[in-house]
Amino acid sequence: MTAFEAAPFIKPPALRGVSDLIMAGWGGIGKSHIIQALGQKVCVQGYRVLYRTSAELLSDLTASLADKTLPARLRYYTRPDLLIMDEFGFDRIERTECAQAAHLLYKIIASRNQKRSTALVTNVDFDKWGEYLTDGPLAMAFLDRLIERAIILKVKGKSYRAEQAKGADNPA
């Protein structure tokens, strides 16, 4: 199913029942657009939503380590009814700048586990999360908490940007 075909079937996570959502698939197929639309729909229903890329989260949490405000920042990311973490897998620079990056992401997931809904958008296959997070046991704990009550949507399709580029090369 492509992202375009999947969009009408995606409903907001069962926020009171605390379901999570993991949307995985190749880049350029519309995952970010879908998750942003879902976040807007949840806002309209009166829920608190926070959208951040994984890189933004890591930059913020790394800064909070430096200024000793980590507990306050973790509470900040625990409060929203739905936390959307987009571009999980595109934060290599932030992960290399902070040796504790994987642990910081884990702290957010663990603090939200079974209390608030989290949506994670990624292009990293589950079997590669150990490499991505650089700590196999931590990656398993991270994934275990995230998928426990999650809706997992694997989105397939062609990159919209690649298709548009092809069209630009071949004007009608």
Protein backbone atom coordinates (compact mmCIF):
# COMPACT_ATOMS: atom_id res chain seq x y z
CA MET A 1 0.00 0.00 0.00
CA THR A 2 1.40 3.41 -0.88
CA ALA A 3 1.29 6.39 1.49
CA PHE A 4 -1.38 7.99 -0.68
CA GLU A 5 -3.56 4.85 -0.51
CA ALA A 6 -3.01 4.46 3.24
CA ALA A 7 -3.89 8.02 4.23
CA PRO A 8 -7.71 7.61 4.37
CA PHE A 9 -7.38 4.58 6.67
CA ILE A 10 -5.09 6.13 9.27
CA LYS A 11 -7.01 7.16 12.32
CA PRO A 12 -5.60 9.06 15.29
CA PRO A 13 -4.01 6.74 17.83
CA ALA A 14 -6.34 5.65 20.61
CA LEU A 15 -4.95 8.37 22.85
CA ARG A 16 -6.89 7.37 25.93
CA GLY A 17 -6.03 3.72 25.31
CA VAL A 18 -2.40 4.77 24.79
CA SER A 19 -1.56 3.25 21.45
CA ASP A 20 1.63 4.14 19.65
CA LEU A 21 2.19 4.36 15.92
CA ILE A 22 5.29 3.39 13.99
CA MET A 23 5.36 4.36 10.34
CA ALA A 24 8.26 2.87 8.41
CA GLY A 25 9.24 3.09 4.78
CA TRP A 26 11.61 4.54 2.22
CA GLY A 27 12.21 8.27 2.00
CA GLY A 28 10.09 10.48 -0.21
CA ILE A 29 6.89 8.42 -0.10
CA GLY A 30 4.80 10.76 2.04
CA LYS A 31 5.25 9.52 5.62
CA SER A 32 5.97 12.97 7.04
CA HIS A 33 2.98 14.51 5.28
CA ILE A 34 0.68 11.80 6.61
CA ILE A 35 1.96 12.06 10.18
CA GLN A 36 1.67 15.85 10.15
CA ALA A 37 -1.92 15.59 8.92
CA LEU A 38 -2.62 13.06 11.67
CA GLY A 39 -1.13 15.43 14.24
CA GLN A 40 -3.36 18.26 13.00
CA LYS A 41 -6.41 16.01 13.18
CA VAL A 42 -5.57 15.08 16.78
CA CYS A 43 -5.12 18.79 17.65
CA VAL A 44 -8.55 19.57 16.22
CA GLN A 45 -9.97 16.89 18.52
CA GLY A 46 -8.60 18.84 21.49
CA TYR A 47 -5.47 16.82 22.29
CA ARG A 48 -2.01 18.24 22.88
CA VAL A 49 0.44 17.29 20.13
CA LEU A 50 4.14 17.96 19.83
CA TYR A 51 5.98 17.38 16.54
CA ARG A 52 9.77 17.14 16.47
CA THR A 53 12.34 15.52 14.26
CA SER A 54 14.63 13.06 15.98
CA ALA A 55 17.52 15.48 15.34
CA GLU A 56 15.66 18.34 17.05
CA LEU A 57 14.91 16.14 20.05
CA LEU A 58 18.54 15.07 20.36
CA SER A 59 19.85 18.62 19.99
CA ASP A 60 17.47 19.84 22.70
CA LEU A 61 18.22 16.97 25.07
CA THR A 62 21.98 17.28 24.51
CA ALA A 63 21.74 20.99 25.39
CA SER A 64 19.73 20.10 28.48
CA LEU A 65 22.57 17.85 29.62
CA ALA A 66 24.95 20.79 29.36
CA ASP A 67 22.74 23.23 31.27
CA LYS A 68 21.53 20.56 33.72
CA THR A 69 17.84 20.85 32.78
CA LEU A 70 17.39 17.26 31.53
CA PRO A 71 14.66 16.31 34.04
CA ALA A 72 12.61 19.36 33.04
CA ARG A 73 13.06 18.62 29.31
CA LEU A 74 12.03 14.98 29.81
CA ARG A 75 8.86 16.17 31.60
CA TYR A 76 8.23 18.56 28.69
CA TYR A 77 8.38 15.68 26.19
CA THR A 78 6.26 13.43 28.43
CA ARG A 79 3.32 15.88 28.70
CA PRO A 80 1.79 15.92 25.19
CA ASP A 81 -1.01 13.46 24.50
CA LEU A 82 0.77 12.63 21.24
CA LEU A 83 4.48 13.08 20.61
CA ILE A 84 5.44 12.77 16.95
CA MET A 85 9.09 11.91 16.37
CA ASP A 86 9.80 12.27 12.66
CA GLU A 87 12.90 11.44 10.61
CA PHE A 88 14.14 8.79 13.04
CA GLY A 89 17.28 7.68 11.26
CA PHE A 90 18.28 11.04 9.77
CA ASP A 91 20.04 12.29 12.90
CA ARG A 92 23.53 10.85 12.43
CA ILE A 93 25.28 14.16 13.21
CA GLU A 94 23.37 14.64 16.46
CA ARG A 95 24.00 11.02 17.48
CA THR A 96 27.74 11.32 16.85
CA GLU A 97 27.96 14.62 18.75
CA CYS A 98 26.43 13.08 21.87
CA ALA A 99 27.58 9.66 23.05
CA GLN A 100 24.41 9.42 25.17
CA ALA A 101 22.00 10.08 22.27
CA ALA A 102 20.49 6.59 22.24
CA HIS A 103 19.98 6.71 26.00
CA LEU A 104 18.30 10.12 25.75
CA LEU A 105 15.84 8.86 23.12
CA TYR A 106 15.19 5.80 25.26
CA LYS A 107 14.41 8.02 28.28
CA ILE A 108 11.68 9.77 26.30
CA ILE A 109 10.12 6.50 25.11
CA ALA A 110 10.35 4.92 28.57
CA SER A 111 8.78 7.97 30.26
CA ARG A 112 5.85 7.91 27.83
CA ASN A 113 5.40 4.12 27.78
CA GLN A 114 1.76 3.16 28.50
CA LYS A 115 0.99 6.75 29.58
CA ARG A 116 0.93 8.80 26.38
CA SER A 117 0.86 8.03 22.66
CA THR A 118 4.00 8.31 20.57
CA ALA A 119 4.25 8.26 16.79
CA LEU A 120 7.61 7.47 15.26
CA VAL A 121 8.35 7.90 11.55
CA THR A 122 11.43 6.12 10.26
CA ASN A 123 13.27 4.72 7.30
CA VAL A 124 15.27 2.34 9.54
CA ASP A 125 14.15 -1.32 9.42
CA PHE A 126 13.54 -2.89 12.83
CA ASP A 127 16.40 -5.34 12.38
CA LYS A 128 18.82 -2.40 11.91
CA TRP A 129 17.87 -0.51 15.09
CA GLY A 130 20.76 -2.09 17.03
CA GLU A 131 23.21 -0.59 14.54
CA TYR A 132 21.35 2.71 14.46
CA LEU A 133 21.25 3.11 18.25
CA THR A 134 24.75 1.54 18.60
CA ASP A 135 23.71 -0.45 21.67
CA GLY A 136 21.91 -3.72 20.91
CA PRO A 137 20.29 -4.27 24.35
CA LEU A 138 19.20 -0.64 24.51
CA ALA A 139 17.77 -0.85 20.99
CA MET A 140 15.79 -3.96 22.00
CA ALA A 141 14.41 -2.21 25.11
CA PHE A 142 13.57 0.89 23.05
CA LEU A 143 11.81 -1.16 20.40
CA ASP A 144 10.08 -3.38 22.96
CA ARG A 145 8.49 -0.42 24.73
CA LEU A 146 7.55 1.28 21.49
CA ILE A 147 5.91 -1.69 19.76
CA GLU A 148 4.19 -3.09 22.86
CA ARG A 149 0.82 -1.57 21.97
CA ALA A 150 1.72 0.02 18.66
CA ILE A 151 0.08 0.16 15.30
CA ILE A 152 2.85 -0.62 12.81
CA LEU A 153 2.38 0.71 9.32
CA LYS A 154 4.95 -0.20 6.67
CA VAL A 155 4.46 2.21 3.81
CA LYS A 156 5.69 1.34 0.34
CA GLY A 157 5.79 3.24 -2.88
CA LYS A 158 7.90 5.33 -5.17
CA SER A 159 9.48 8.55 -4.04
CA TYR A 160 7.27 11.50 -4.97
CA ARG A 161 10.32 13.73 -5.34
CA ALA A 162 12.03 11.25 -7.66
CA GLU A 163 8.89 11.01 -9.76
CA GLN A 164 8.61 14.79 -9.92
CA ALA A 165 12.24 15.05 -10.97
CA LYS A 166 11.64 12.56 -13.76
CA GLY A 167 8.68 14.62 -14.91
CA ALA A 168 10.78 17.79 -14.91
CA ASP A 169 13.37 16.07 -17.13
CA ASN A 170 10.71 15.00 -19.62
CA PRO A 171 8.43 18.01 -20.24
CA ALA A 172 5.29 17.20 -22.19
